[in-house]
Amino acid sequence: MSKAKTSGSTKDAKTNASNSVRSNENPAADLDNPSKFQPTEEADLDAVALDAEDGLQKLFLDSLKDLYWAENHLIKALPKMINAASLPALQEALSNHLEETKGHVERLNQVFQLLGEEPQAKKCDAMEGLTKEGEGCIESTDAGTPARNLAIILSSQKVEHYEISSYTGLIGLAVKLGQEEAADLLELTLEEEESSDELLAEIAENEIVPGELPGEESED
């Protein structure tokens, strides 16, 4: 037997013996830890609390960038929804919310200024997906039908619910960080998002009704 082969066999034997000792020390290791290696006693496995100057502050800023992208993207997406809607009440509601959304962007600009940061946008995959879904609903329904108007409302409400959740969380972070002025600005936007959602729900309930069949006359 060659010297190299003997050396390799000795090394494998030592490794197997070492693994066997670890396994015997902790019988459960074979079941839930295929590597057979256990953390050292010095390993700190406890969660580390993040202070406001690093983790929470970064999370707040990243979330602002995410919403900044989302609101600017929505400004581009809303006109498509308005043009696709045929119900006057829905067109008006979406047009009004488009103007509100422009105001939401301005408020986010103010929040960035309060933090001493330049406004930046971080791509929001959630908003991109929601607006694409809305476009798909338009393409899959016929123009001028209750189905299309209702599809637009449902898609718009999904957007509103995402924004309501995002702003609610962001306000909570602002309060924790002592950014009361920022929280107040974000609260104004949250109220408008909630009002828009309620209005869309009312339109869906009261304004959208199945169209009459051809040749069918309405009853007095």
Protein backbone atom coordinates (compact mmCIF):
# COMPACT_ATOMS: atom_id res chain seq x y z
CA MET A 1 0.00 0.00 0.00
CA SER A 2 1.33 3.44 -0.91
CA LYS A 3 2.18 6.04 1.74
CA ALA A 4 -0.37 8.49 0.30
CA LYS A 5 -3.14 5.93 0.46
CA THR A 6 -2.25 4.98 4.02
CA SER A 7 -2.28 8.62 5.07
CA GLY A 8 -5.73 9.13 3.50
CA SER A 9 -7.16 6.07 5.25
CA THR A 10 -5.83 7.22 8.61
CA LYS A 11 -7.40 10.68 8.10
CA ASP A 12 -10.79 9.14 7.18
CA ALA A 13 -10.67 6.92 10.26
CA LYS A 14 -10.02 9.92 12.50
CA THR A 15 -12.88 11.86 10.89
CA ASN A 16 -15.29 8.95 11.33
CA ALA A 17 -14.25 8.54 14.96
CA SER A 18 -14.72 12.26 15.60
CA ASN A 19 -18.18 12.18 14.04
CA SER A 20 -19.06 9.12 16.11
CA VAL A 21 -18.13 10.93 19.31
CA ARG A 22 -20.30 13.91 18.36
CA SER A 23 -23.20 11.62 17.54
CA ASN A 24 -22.88 9.78 20.84
CA GLU A 25 -22.79 13.04 22.76
CA ASN A 26 -26.05 14.10 21.10
CA PRO A 27 -28.09 11.12 19.78
CA ALA A 28 -30.58 13.49 18.14
CA ALA A 29 -27.87 14.89 15.92
CA ASP A 30 -28.25 12.04 13.44
CA LEU A 31 -31.92 12.85 13.00
CA ASP A 32 -32.08 16.61 12.74
CA ASN A 33 -28.53 17.55 11.80
CA PRO A 34 -27.16 15.43 8.91
CA SER A 35 -23.76 17.14 9.14
CA LYS A 36 -23.28 15.67 12.67
CA PHE A 37 -21.71 18.97 13.76
CA GLN A 38 -23.17 20.91 16.69
CA PRO A 39 -22.80 24.63 17.52
CA THR A 40 -20.01 25.44 19.92
CA GLU A 41 -20.85 26.49 23.44
CA GLU A 42 -19.64 29.98 22.61
CA ALA A 43 -22.16 30.39 19.77
CA ASP A 44 -24.74 33.10 20.51
CA LEU A 45 -28.03 31.88 19.08
CA ASP A 46 -30.26 34.50 20.74
CA ALA A 47 -31.93 37.21 18.65
CA VAL A 48 -30.10 40.50 18.82
CA ALA A 49 -32.21 43.60 19.43
CA LEU A 50 -31.62 46.28 16.81
CA ASP A 51 -31.30 49.80 18.11
CA ALA A 52 -32.96 52.75 16.41
CA GLU A 53 -29.75 54.00 14.89
CA ASP A 54 -29.18 50.94 12.73
CA GLY A 55 -31.85 48.29 12.11
CA LEU A 56 -35.06 50.25 12.64
CA GLN A 57 -33.75 53.39 11.00
CA LYS A 58 -32.64 51.42 7.95
CA LEU A 59 -35.97 49.58 7.80
CA PHE A 60 -37.84 52.88 7.96
CA LEU A 61 -35.77 54.40 5.17
CA ASP A 62 -36.02 51.30 2.98
CA SER A 63 -39.78 51.22 3.46
CA LEU A 64 -39.99 54.89 2.47
CA LYS A 65 -38.06 54.18 -0.72
CA ASP A 66 -40.36 51.25 -1.45
CA LEU A 67 -43.51 53.35 -1.06
CA TYR A 68 -41.97 56.21 -3.02
CA TRP A 69 -41.53 53.86 -5.99
CA ALA A 70 -45.01 52.41 -5.49
CA GLU A 71 -46.78 55.76 -5.45
CA ASN A 72 -44.90 57.04 -8.50
CA HIS A 73 -45.67 53.81 -10.34
CA LEU A 74 -49.34 54.15 -9.42
CA ILE A 75 -49.44 57.62 -10.97
CA LYS A 76 -48.54 55.96 -14.28
CA ALA A 77 -50.96 53.04 -13.84
CA LEU A 78 -54.11 54.88 -12.75
CA PRO A 79 -54.81 56.63 -16.09
CA LYS A 80 -55.07 53.20 -17.73
CA MET A 81 -57.71 52.18 -15.19
CA ILE A 82 -59.60 55.46 -15.67
CA ASN A 83 -59.68 55.06 -19.44
CA ALA A 84 -60.83 51.45 -19.16
CA ALA A 85 -63.70 52.25 -16.77
CA SER A 86 -67.10 53.13 -18.25
CA LEU A 87 -68.96 53.98 -15.06
CA PRO A 88 -68.90 57.77 -14.41
CA ALA A 89 -68.77 57.37 -10.63
CA LEU A 90 -65.79 55.02 -10.94
CA GLN A 91 -63.98 57.28 -13.39
CA GLU A 92 -64.42 60.21 -11.03
CA ALA A 93 -63.26 58.24 -7.99
CA LEU A 94 -60.12 57.04 -9.78
CA SER A 95 -59.39 60.49 -11.19
CA ASN A 96 -59.67 62.04 -7.73
CA HIS A 97 -57.39 59.38 -6.29
CA LEU A 98 -54.84 60.05 -9.02
CA GLU A 99 -54.59 63.64 -7.80
CA GLU A 100 -54.39 62.41 -4.20
CA THR A 101 -51.58 60.04 -5.17
CA LYS A 102 -49.56 62.94 -6.54
CA GLY A 103 -50.00 64.53 -3.12
CA HIS A 104 -48.84 61.30 -1.47
CA VAL A 105 -45.58 61.54 -3.41
CA GLU A 106 -45.11 65.12 -2.20
CA ARG A 107 -45.67 64.04 1.42
CA LEU A 108 -43.07 61.31 1.03
CA ASN A 109 -40.69 63.96 -0.29
CA GLN A 110 -41.30 65.92 2.91
CA VAL A 111 -40.61 62.86 5.05
CA PHE A 112 -37.30 62.31 3.26
CA GLN A 113 -36.42 65.93 3.98
CA LEU A 114 -37.24 65.48 7.66
CA LEU A 115 -34.78 62.59 7.74
CA GLY A 116 -32.13 64.64 5.95
CA GLU A 117 -32.23 62.25 2.99
CA GLU A 118 -32.61 62.76 -0.73
CA PRO A 119 -35.80 61.14 -2.11
CA GLN A 120 -34.96 57.76 -3.60
CA ALA A 121 -37.08 55.01 -5.10
CA LYS A 122 -36.57 51.32 -4.42
CA LYS A 123 -38.51 49.05 -6.76
CA CYS A 124 -41.67 47.72 -5.13
CA ASP A 125 -42.31 44.26 -6.54
CA ALA A 126 -45.68 44.09 -4.80
CA MET A 127 -47.03 47.23 -6.49
CA GLU A 128 -45.65 46.17 -9.84
CA GLY A 129 -47.44 42.84 -9.49
CA LEU A 130 -50.72 44.39 -8.41
CA THR A 131 -50.81 46.83 -11.31
CA LYS A 132 -49.96 44.07 -13.78
CA GLU A 133 -52.82 42.04 -12.35
CA GLY A 134 -55.11 45.02 -12.86
CA GLU A 135 -54.07 45.29 -16.49
CA GLY A 136 -54.77 41.60 -16.91
CA CYS A 137 -58.28 42.04 -15.50
CA ILE A 138 -58.96 44.73 -18.08
CA GLU A 139 -57.73 42.54 -20.91
CA SER A 140 -59.87 39.60 -19.79
CA THR A 141 -63.16 41.53 -19.62
CA ASP A 142 -65.26 43.25 -22.26
CA ALA A 143 -65.31 47.03 -22.52
CA GLY A 144 -68.35 48.82 -21.10
CA THR A 145 -69.56 45.86 -19.06
CA PRO A 146 -70.29 45.60 -15.34
CA ALA A 147 -67.66 42.85 -15.23
CA ARG A 148 -64.91 45.19 -16.37
CA ASN A 149 -65.93 47.98 -13.99
CA LEU A 150 -66.07 45.54 -11.10
CA ALA A 151 -62.70 44.04 -12.08
CA ILE A 152 -61.20 47.53 -11.99
CA ILE A 153 -62.67 48.14 -8.55
CA LEU A 154 -61.42 44.84 -7.17
CA SER A 155 -57.94 45.46 -8.57
CA SER A 156 -57.91 49.01 -7.21
CA GLN A 157 -58.97 47.83 -3.76
CA LYS A 158 -56.12 45.33 -3.70
CA VAL A 159 -53.77 48.25 -4.30
CA GLU A 160 -55.47 50.28 -1.56
CA HIS A 161 -55.22 47.43 0.94
CA TYR A 162 -51.52 47.03 0.22
CA GLU A 163 -50.96 50.74 0.71
CA ILE A 164 -53.05 50.86 3.87
CA SER A 165 -50.99 48.05 5.37
CA SER A 166 -47.72 49.68 4.28
CA TYR A 167 -48.56 53.12 5.65
CA THR A 168 -49.87 51.66 8.91
CA GLY A 169 -46.58 49.88 9.48
CA LEU A 170 -44.54 52.89 8.46
CA ILE A 171 -46.43 55.14 10.88
CA GLY A 172 -45.70 52.70 13.69
CA LEU A 173 -42.00 52.76 12.83
CA ALA A 174 -41.97 56.56 12.70
CA VAL A 175 -43.46 56.73 16.19
CA LYS A 176 -40.91 54.26 17.57
CA LEU A 177 -38.12 56.36 16.11
CA GLY A 178 -39.50 59.58 17.55
CA GLN A 179 -40.35 60.95 14.11
CA GLU A 180 -43.69 62.43 15.14
CA GLU A 181 -43.85 64.98 12.32
CA ALA A 182 -43.21 62.27 9.77
CA ALA A 183 -45.87 60.10 11.39
CA ASP A 184 -48.40 62.92 11.11
CA LEU A 185 -47.69 63.35 7.39
CA LEU A 186 -48.01 59.63 6.76
CA GLU A 187 -51.25 59.54 8.76
CA LEU A 188 -52.82 62.05 6.37
CA THR A 189 -52.04 59.76 3.45
CA LEU A 190 -53.35 56.70 5.31
CA GLU A 191 -56.69 58.44 5.88
CA GLU A 192 -56.99 59.21 2.16
CA GLU A 193 -56.16 55.60 1.24
CA GLU A 194 -58.83 54.33 3.62
CA SER A 195 -61.41 56.79 2.27
CA SER A 196 -60.63 55.74 -1.30
CA ASP A 197 -61.08 52.08 -0.40
CA GLU A 198 -64.44 52.79 1.23
CA LEU A 199 -65.63 54.78 -1.79
CA LEU A 200 -64.69 51.98 -4.19
CA ALA A 201 -66.61 49.51 -2.04
CA GLU A 202 -69.69 51.77 -2.13
CA ILE A 203 -69.52 52.07 -5.91
CA ALA A 204 -69.27 48.30 -6.27
CA GLU A 205 -72.29 47.80 -4.05
CA ASN A 206 -74.56 50.60 -5.25
CA GLU A 207 -73.57 51.52 -8.79
CA ILE A 208 -72.70 48.29 -10.55
CA VAL A 209 -75.71 46.19 -11.58
CA PRO A 210 -76.04 43.52 -14.27
CA GLY A 211 -77.03 44.99 -17.63
CA GLU A 212 -80.41 44.22 -19.11
CA LEU A 213 -80.65 41.47 -21.68
CA PRO A 214 -81.19 42.62 -25.29
CA GLY A 215 -84.85 43.38 -25.89
CA GLU A 216 -85.73 43.24 -22.20
CA GLU A 217 -87.64 46.20 -20.84
CA SER A 218 -87.20 47.43 -17.30
CA GLU A 219 -90.18 47.26 -14.96
CA ASP A 220 -91.62 50.49 -13.57
